[in-house]
């Protein structure tokens, strides 16, 4: 089973990297870009066919390591 994990900075947290990318895009002539938020995308291959177990395990992985839940949100999708 494959887990696709998306980690993003919480909406109320400043994203200086996103602001830098936005500024660069504006400099390159992409003035229509209003806001950029930077995040992470991870793919995990899980050795289980039990969907409930996979959901529970991926949630714990995100809470303990993959996301800093103080400043980041996460969501994930399971395939297979």
PDB file of N, CA and C in Angstrom:
ATOM      1  N   UNK A   1       0.850  -1.168   0.000  1.00  0.00           N
ATOM      2  CA  UNK A   1       0.000   0.000   0.000  1.00  0.00           C
ATOM      3  C   UNK A   1       0.897   1.232   0.000  1.00  0.00           C
ATOM      4  N   UNK A   2       0.493   2.254  -0.736  1.00  0.00           N
ATOM      5  CA  UNK A   2       1.262   3.493  -0.808  1.00  0.00           C
ATOM      6  C   UNK A   2       0.531   4.601  -0.061  1.00  0.00           C
ATOM      7  N   UNK A   3       1.295   5.368   0.723  1.00  0.00           N
ATOM      8  CA  UNK A   3       0.756   6.551   1.399  1.00  0.00           C
ATOM      9  C   UNK A   3       1.389   7.780   0.771  1.00  0.00           C
ATOM     10  N   UNK A   4       0.559   8.729   0.382  1.00  0.00           N
ATOM     11  CA  UNK A   4       1.022  10.027  -0.110  1.00  0.00           C
ATOM     12  C   UNK A   4       0.751  11.035   1.000  1.00  0.00           C
ATOM     13  N   UNK A   5       1.816  11.658   1.503  1.00  0.00           N
ATOM     14  CA  UNK A   5       1.714  12.562   2.648  1.00  0.00           C
ATOM     15  C   UNK A   5       2.027  13.987   2.190  1.00  0.00           C
ATOM     16  N   UNK A   6       1.157  14.910   2.562  1.00  0.00           N
ATOM     17  CA  UNK A   6       1.323  16.324   2.242  1.00  0.00           C
ATOM     18  C   UNK A   6       1.458  17.099   3.553  1.00  0.00           C
ATOM     19  N   UNK A   7       2.557  17.822   3.697  1.00  0.00           N
ATOM     20  CA  UNK A   7       2.819  18.608   4.903  1.00  0.00           C
ATOM     21  C   UNK A   7       2.895  20.075   4.482  1.00  0.00           C
ATOM     22  N   UNK A   8       2.100  20.922   5.119  1.00  0.00           N
ATOM     23  CA  UNK A   8       2.082  22.340   4.778  1.00  0.00           C
ATOM     24  C   UNK A   8       2.175  23.185   6.042  1.00  0.00           C
ATOM     25  N   UNK A   9       2.715  24.381   5.875  1.00  0.00           N
ATOM     26  CA  UNK A   9       2.787  25.315   6.997  1.00  0.00           C
ATOM     27  C   UNK A   9       1.380  25.809   7.300  1.00  0.00           C
ATOM     28  N   UNK A  10       1.052  25.885   8.577  1.00  0.00           N
ATOM     29  CA  UNK A  10      -0.273  26.357   8.975  1.00  0.00           C
ATOM     30  C   UNK A  10      -0.502  27.761   8.429  1.00  0.00           C
ATOM     31  N   UNK A  11      -1.739  28.056   8.121  1.00  0.00           N
ATOM     32  CA  UNK A  11      -2.115  29.315   7.488  1.00  0.00           C
ATOM     33  C   UNK A  11      -1.683  30.531   8.312  1.00  0.00           C
ATOM     34  N   UNK A  12      -1.722  30.443   9.631  1.00  0.00           N
ATOM     35  CA  UNK A  12      -1.399  31.592  10.478  1.00  0.00           C
ATOM     36  C   UNK A  12       0.099  31.715  10.792  1.00  0.00           C
ATOM     37  N   UNK A  13       0.938  30.857  10.181  1.00  0.00           N
ATOM     38  CA  UNK A  13       2.383  30.877  10.427  1.00  0.00           C
ATOM     39  C   UNK A  13       3.076  31.529   9.234  1.00  0.00           C
ATOM     40  N   UNK A  14       3.995  32.439   9.522  1.00  0.00           N
ATOM     41  CA  UNK A  14       4.760  33.121   8.491  1.00  0.00           C
ATOM     42  C   UNK A  14       5.580  32.116   7.683  1.00  0.00           C
ATOM     43  N   UNK A  15       5.615  32.286   6.357  1.00  0.00           N
ATOM     44  CA  UNK A  15       6.354  31.392   5.470  1.00  0.00           C
ATOM     45  C   UNK A  15       7.398  32.213   4.696  1.00  0.00           C
ATOM     46  N   UNK A  16       8.585  32.475   5.295  1.00  0.00           N
ATOM     47  CA  UNK A  16       9.581  33.295   4.614  1.00  0.00           C
ATOM     48  C   UNK A  16      10.095  32.680   3.310  1.00  0.00           C
ATOM     49  N   UNK A  17      10.168  31.356   3.250  1.00  0.00           N
ATOM     50  CA  UNK A  17      10.607  30.703   2.013  1.00  0.00           C
ATOM     51  C   UNK A  17       9.580  30.940   0.902  1.00  0.00           C
ATOM     52  N   UNK A  18       8.308  30.834   1.240  1.00  0.00           N
ATOM     53  CA  UNK A  18       7.258  31.115   0.265  1.00  0.00           C
ATOM     54  C   UNK A  18       7.301  32.559  -0.205  1.00  0.00           C
ATOM     55  N   UNK A  19       7.562  33.485   0.714  1.00  0.00           N
ATOM     56  CA  UNK A  19       7.664  34.900   0.340  1.00  0.00           C
ATOM     57  C   UNK A  19       8.841  35.132  -0.593  1.00  0.00           C
ATOM     58  N   UNK A  20       9.965  34.454  -0.350  1.00  0.00           N
ATOM     59  CA  UNK A  20      11.133  34.593  -1.220  1.00  0.00           C
ATOM     60  C   UNK A  20      10.828  34.079  -2.620  1.00  0.00           C
ATOM     61  N   UNK A  21      10.147  32.949  -2.708  1.00  0.00           N
ATOM     62  CA  UNK A  21       9.785  32.401  -4.017  1.00  0.00           C
ATOM     63  C   UNK A  21       8.816  33.340  -4.726  1.00  0.00           C
ATOM     64  N   UNK A  22       7.846  33.881  -4.004  1.00  0.00           N
ATOM     65  CA  UNK A  22       6.903  34.824  -4.595  1.00  0.00           C
ATOM     66  C   UNK A  22       7.643  36.041  -5.149  1.00  0.00           C
ATOM     67  N   UNK A  23       8.581  36.587  -4.365  1.00  0.00           N
ATOM     68  CA  UNK A  23       9.360  37.729  -4.832  1.00  0.00           C
ATOM     69  C   UNK A  23      10.142  37.409  -6.092  1.00  0.00           C
ATOM     70  N   UNK A  24      10.738  36.228  -6.149  1.00  0.00           N
ATOM     71  CA  UNK A  24      11.486  35.815  -7.337  1.00  0.00           C
ATOM     72  C   UNK A  24      10.577  35.664  -8.543  1.00  0.00           C
ATOM     73  N   UNK A  25       9.404  35.092  -8.331  1.00  0.00           N
ATOM     74  CA  UNK A  25       8.450  34.956  -9.433  1.00  0.00           C
ATOM     75  C   UNK A  25       8.033  36.320  -9.963  1.00  0.00           C
ATOM     76  N   UNK A  26       7.806  37.277  -9.068  1.00  0.00           N
ATOM     77  CA  UNK A  26       7.448  38.630  -9.493  1.00  0.00           C
ATOM     78  C   UNK A  26       8.591  39.240 -10.306  1.00  0.00           C
ATOM     79  N   UNK A  27       9.818  39.045  -9.834  1.00  0.00           N
ATOM     80  CA  UNK A  27      10.990  39.567 -10.548  1.00  0.00           C
ATOM     81  C   UNK A  27      11.095  38.974 -11.944  1.00  0.00           C
ATOM     82  N   UNK A  28      10.678  37.724 -12.089  1.00  0.00           N
ATOM     83  CA  UNK A  28      10.735  37.036 -13.387  1.00  0.00           C
ATOM     84  C   UNK A  28       9.551  37.374 -14.277  1.00  0.00           C
ATOM     85  N   UNK A  29       8.655  38.247 -13.808  1.00  0.00           N
ATOM     86  CA  UNK A  29       7.538  38.679 -14.637  1.00  0.00           C
ATOM     87  C   UNK A  29       6.225  37.970 -14.372  1.00  0.00           C
ATOM     88  N   UNK A  30       6.149  37.182 -13.318  1.00  0.00           N
ATOM     89  CA  UNK A  30       4.917  36.474 -12.977  1.00  0.00           C
ATOM     90  C   UNK A  30       4.170  37.232 -11.886  1.00  0.00           C
ATOM     91  N   UNK A  31       3.740  38.433 -12.220  1.00  0.00           N
ATOM     92  CA  UNK A  31       3.102  39.325 -11.247  1.00  0.00           C
ATOM     93  C   UNK A  31       1.755  38.805 -10.759  1.00  0.00           C
ATOM     94  N   UNK A  32       1.165  37.869 -11.490  1.00  0.00           N
ATOM     95  CA  UNK A  32      -0.151  37.355 -11.105  1.00  0.00           C
ATOM     96  C   UNK A  32      -0.105  36.434  -9.889  1.00  0.00           C
ATOM     97  N   UNK A  33       1.091  36.008  -9.472  1.00  0.00           N
ATOM     98  CA  UNK A  33       1.223  35.136  -8.299  1.00  0.00           C
ATOM     99  C   UNK A  33       0.981  35.972  -7.052  1.00  0.00           C
ATOM    100  N   UNK A  34      -0.098  35.649  -6.353  1.00  0.00           N
ATOM    101  CA  UNK A  34      -0.523  36.441  -5.194  1.00  0.00           C
ATOM    102  C   UNK A  34       0.078  35.939  -3.891  1.00  0.00           C
ATOM    103  N   UNK A  35       0.300  34.618  -3.792  1.00  0.00           N
ATOM    104  CA  UNK A  35       0.788  34.055  -2.537  1.00  0.00           C
ATOM    105  C   UNK A  35       1.428  32.702  -2.822  1.00  0.00           C
ATOM    106  N   UNK A  36       2.533  32.411  -2.147  1.00  0.00           N
ATOM    107  CA  UNK A  36       3.197  31.114  -2.265  1.00  0.00           C
ATOM    108  C   UNK A  36       3.391  30.550  -0.863  1.00  0.00           C
ATOM    109  N   UNK A  37       3.036  29.293  -0.691  1.00  0.00           N
ATOM    110  CA  UNK A  37       3.284  28.575   0.559  1.00  0.00           C
ATOM    111  C   UNK A  37       4.093  27.336   0.192  1.00  0.00           C
ATOM    112  N   UNK A  38       5.163  27.095   0.916  1.00  0.00           N
ATOM    113  CA  UNK A  38       6.044  25.966   0.639  1.00  0.00           C
ATOM    114  C   UNK A  38       5.678  24.811   1.580  1.00  0.00           C
ATOM    115  N   UNK A  39       5.713  23.599   1.053  1.00  0.00           N
ATOM    116  CA  UNK A  39       5.412  22.428   1.862  1.00  0.00           C
ATOM    117  C   UNK A  39       6.281  21.254   1.457  1.00  0.00           C
ATOM    118  N   UNK A  40       5.916  20.071   1.945  1.00  0.00           N
ATOM    119  CA  UNK A  40       6.649  18.841   1.648  1.00  0.00           C
ATOM    120  C   UNK A  40       5.670  17.797   1.131  1.00  0.00           C
ATOM    121  N   UNK A  41       6.172  16.946   0.245  1.00  0.00           N
ATOM    122  CA  UNK A  41       5.408  15.820  -0.261  1.00  0.00           C
ATOM    123  C   UNK A  41       6.256  14.572  -0.060  1.00  0.00           C
ATOM    124  N   UNK A  42       5.673  13.545   0.522  1.00  0.00           N
ATOM    125  CA  UNK A  42       6.391  12.289   0.765  1.00  0.00           C
ATOM    126  C   UNK A  42       5.540  11.130   0.264  1.00  0.00           C
ATOM    127  N   UNK A  43       6.198  10.106  -0.258  1.00  0.00           N
ATOM    128  CA  UNK A  43       5.534   8.857  -0.613  1.00  0.00           C
ATOM    129  C   UNK A  43       6.142   7.751   0.238  1.00  0.00           C
ATOM    130  N   UNK A  44       5.293   6.991   0.891  1.00  0.00           N
ATOM    131  CA  UNK A  44       5.731   5.885   1.736  1.00  0.00           C
ATOM    132  C   UNK A  44       5.126   4.591   1.199  1.00  0.00           C
ATOM    133  N   UNK A  45       5.936   3.577   1.012  1.00  0.00           N
ATOM    134  CA  UNK A  45       5.434   2.265   0.631  1.00  0.00           C
ATOM    135  C   UNK A  45       5.287   1.451   1.910  1.00  0.00           C
ATOM    136  N   UNK A  46       4.080   1.013   2.206  1.00  0.00           N
ATOM    137  CA  UNK A  46       3.787   0.298   3.443  1.00  0.00           C
ATOM    138  C   UNK A  46       3.583  -1.189   3.169  1.00  0.00           C
ATOM    139  N   UNK A  47       4.145  -2.009   4.007  1.00  0.00           N
ATOM    140  CA  UNK A  47       4.030  -3.453   3.858  1.00  0.00           C
ATOM    141  C   UNK A  47       2.836  -3.948   4.668  1.00  0.00           C
ATOM    142  N   UNK A  48       1.649  -3.537   4.248  1.00  0.00           N
ATOM    143  CA  UNK A  48       0.409  -3.986   4.883  1.00  0.00           C
ATOM    144  C   UNK A  48      -0.732  -3.851   3.891  1.00  0.00           C
ATOM    145  N   UNK A  49      -1.748  -4.665   4.060  1.00  0.00           N
ATOM    146  CA  UNK A  49      -2.953  -4.528   3.235  1.00  0.00           C
ATOM    147  C   UNK A  49      -4.134  -4.104   4.106  1.00  0.00           C
ATOM    148  N   UNK A  50      -3.894  -3.911   5.387  1.00  0.00           N
ATOM    149  CA  UNK A  50      -4.935  -3.491   6.327  1.00  0.00           C
ATOM    150  C   UNK A  50      -5.031  -1.964   6.315  1.00  0.00           C
ATOM    151  N   UNK A  51      -6.081  -1.456   5.685  1.00  0.00           N
ATOM    152  CA  UNK A  51      -6.231  -0.006   5.502  1.00  0.00           C
ATOM    153  C   UNK A  51      -6.328   0.733   6.841  1.00  0.00           C
ATOM    154  N   UNK A  52      -7.073   0.209   7.778  1.00  0.00           N
ATOM    155  CA  UNK A  52      -7.233   0.870   9.079  1.00  0.00           C
ATOM    156  C   UNK A  52      -5.896   0.948   9.806  1.00  0.00           C
ATOM    157  N   UNK A  53      -5.136  -0.131   9.763  1.00  0.00           N
ATOM    158  CA  UNK A  53      -3.814  -0.140  10.392  1.00  0.00           C
ATOM    159  C   UNK A  53      -2.893   0.869   9.712  1.00  0.00           C
ATOM    160  N   UNK A  54      -2.926   0.902   8.374  1.00  0.00           N
ATOM    161  CA  UNK A  54      -2.075   1.837   7.633  1.00  0.00           C
ATOM    162  C   UNK A  54      -2.421   3.287   7.987  1.00  0.00           C
ATOM    163  N   UNK A  55      -3.706   3.610   8.052  1.00  0.00           N
ATOM    164  CA  UNK A  55      -4.122   4.966   8.419  1.00  0.00           C
ATOM    165  C   UNK A  55      -3.607   5.344   9.803  1.00  0.00           C
ATOM    166  N   UNK A  56      -3.773   4.450  10.748  1.00  0.00           N
ATOM    167  CA  UNK A  56      -3.331   4.721  12.114  1.00  0.00           C
ATOM    168  C   UNK A  56      -1.818   4.899  12.179  1.00  0.00           C
ATOM    169  N   UNK A  57      -1.073   4.048  11.493  1.00  0.00           N
ATOM    170  CA  UNK A  57       0.393   4.112  11.524  1.00  0.00           C
ATOM    171  C   UNK A  57       0.908   5.376  10.836  1.00  0.00           C
ATOM    172  N   UNK A  58       0.348   5.728   9.694  1.00  0.00           N
ATOM    173  CA  UNK A  58       0.802   6.930   8.982  1.00  0.00           C
ATOM    174  C   UNK A  58       0.492   8.177   9.808  1.00  0.00           C
ATOM    175  N   UNK A  59      -0.656   8.204  10.458  1.00  0.00           N
ATOM    176  CA  UNK A  59      -0.999   9.342  11.313  1.00  0.00           C
ATOM    177  C   UNK A  59       0.045   9.519  12.419  1.00  0.00           C
ATOM    178  N   UNK A  60       0.439   8.416  13.046  1.00  0.00           N
ATOM    179  CA  UNK A  60       1.446   8.473  14.104  1.00  0.00           C
ATOM    180  C   UNK A  60       2.796   8.911  13.532  1.00  0.00           C
ATOM    181  N   UNK A  61       3.160   8.401  12.355  1.00  0.00           N
ATOM    182  CA  UNK A  61       4.412   8.808  11.712  1.00  0.00           C
ATOM    183  C   UNK A  61       4.441  10.316  11.489  1.00  0.00           C
ATOM    184  N   UNK A  62       3.336  10.853  11.019  1.00  0.00           N
ATOM    185  CA  UNK A  62       3.245  12.290  10.759  1.00  0.00           C
ATOM    186  C   UNK A  62       3.359  13.085  12.056  1.00  0.00           C
ATOM    187  N   UNK A  63       2.644  12.643  13.069  1.00  0.00           N
ATOM    188  CA  UNK A  63       2.654  13.360  14.349  1.00  0.00           C
ATOM    189  C   UNK A  63       4.016  13.309  15.045  1.00  0.00           C
ATOM    190  N   UNK A  64       4.740  12.192  14.873  1.00  0.00           N
ATOM    191  CA  UNK A  64       6.005  12.015  15.597  1.00  0.00           C
ATOM    192  C   UNK A  64       7.227  12.493  14.826  1.00  0.00           C
ATOM    193  N   UNK A  65       7.187  12.465  13.486  1.00  0.00           N
ATOM    194  CA  UNK A  65       8.397  12.763  12.731  1.00  0.00           C
ATOM    195  C   UNK A  65       8.186  13.604  11.474  1.00  0.00           C
ATOM    196  N   UNK A  66       7.219  13.252  10.674  1.00  0.00           N
ATOM    197  CA  UNK A  66       7.122  13.852   9.337  1.00  0.00           C
ATOM    198  C   UNK A  66       6.629  15.294   9.341  1.00  0.00           C
ATOM    199  N   UNK A  67       5.872  15.682  10.357  1.00  0.00           N
ATOM    200  CA  UNK A  67       5.362  17.058  10.437  1.00  0.00           C
ATOM    201  C   UNK A  67       5.636  17.617  11.830  1.00  0.00           C
ATOM    202  N   UNK A  68       5.968  18.881  11.863  1.00  0.00           N
ATOM    203  CA  UNK A  68       6.071  19.595  13.142  1.00  0.00           C
ATOM    204  C   UNK A  68       4.681  20.169  13.397  1.00  0.00           C
ATOM    205  N   UNK A  69       3.890  19.474  14.185  1.00  0.00           N
ATOM    206  CA  UNK A  69       2.469  19.828  14.320  1.00  0.00           C
ATOM    207  C   UNK A  69       2.229  21.154  15.021  1.00  0.00           C
ATOM    208  N   UNK A  70       3.265  21.771  15.563  1.00  0.00           N
ATOM    209  CA  UNK A  70       3.115  23.102  16.149  1.00  0.00           C
ATOM    210  C   UNK A  70       2.910  24.130  15.043  1.00  0.00           C
ATOM    211  N   UNK A  71       3.642  23.975  13.927  1.00  0.00           N
ATOM    212  CA  UNK A  71       3.575  24.963  12.854  1.00  0.00           C
ATOM    213  C   UNK A  71       3.128  24.385  11.509  1.00  0.00           C
ATOM    214  N   UNK A  72       2.939  23.067  11.445  1.00  0.00           N
ATOM    215  CA  UNK A  72       2.569  22.435  10.176  1.00  0.00           C
ATOM    216  C   UNK A  72       1.301  21.597  10.316  1.00  0.00           C
ATOM    217  N   UNK A  73       0.559  21.548   9.219  1.00  0.00           N
ATOM    218  CA  UNK A  73      -0.579  20.646   9.082  1.00  0.00           C
ATOM    219  C   UNK A  73      -0.154  19.503   8.172  1.00  0.00           C
ATOM    220  N   UNK A  74      -0.865  18.382   8.252  1.00  0.00           N
ATOM    221  CA  UNK A  74      -0.587  17.285   7.336  1.00  0.00           C
ATOM    222  C   UNK A  74      -1.896  16.624   6.941  1.00  0.00           C
ATOM    223  N   UNK A  75      -1.839  15.998   5.789  1.00  0.00           N
ATOM    224  CA  UNK A  75      -2.923  15.139   5.323  1.00  0.00           C
ATOM    225  C   UNK A  75      -2.279  14.040   4.518  1.00  0.00           C
ATOM    226  N   UNK A  76      -2.988  12.945   4.353  1.00  0.00           N
ATOM    227  CA  UNK A  76      -2.426  11.853   3.564  1.00  0.00           C
ATOM    228  C   UNK A  76      -3.529  11.088   2.855  1.00  0.00           C
ATOM    229  N   UNK A  77      -3.101  10.394   1.799  1.00  0.00           N
ATOM    230  CA  UNK A  77      -3.993   9.548   1.008  1.00  0.00           C
ATOM    231  C   UNK A  77      -3.360   8.161   0.942  1.00  0.00           C
ATOM    232  N   UNK A  78      -4.184   7.140   0.974  1.00  0.00           N
ATOM    233  CA  UNK A  78      -3.699   5.775   0.834  1.00  0.00           C
ATOM    234  C   UNK A  78      -4.155   5.217  -0.496  1.00  0.00           C
ATOM    235  N   UNK A  79      -3.254   4.506  -1.176  1.00  0.00           N
ATOM    236  CA  UNK A  79      -3.569   3.849  -2.444  1.00  0.00           C
ATOM    237  C   UNK A  79      -3.240   2.375  -2.329  1.00  0.00           C
ATOM    238  N   UNK A  80      -4.104   1.573  -2.878  1.00  0.00           N
ATOM    239  CA  UNK A  80      -3.821   0.129  -2.919  1.00  0.00           C
ATOM    240  C   UNK A  80      -4.536  -0.657  -1.862  1.00  0.00           C
TER     241      UNK A  80
END
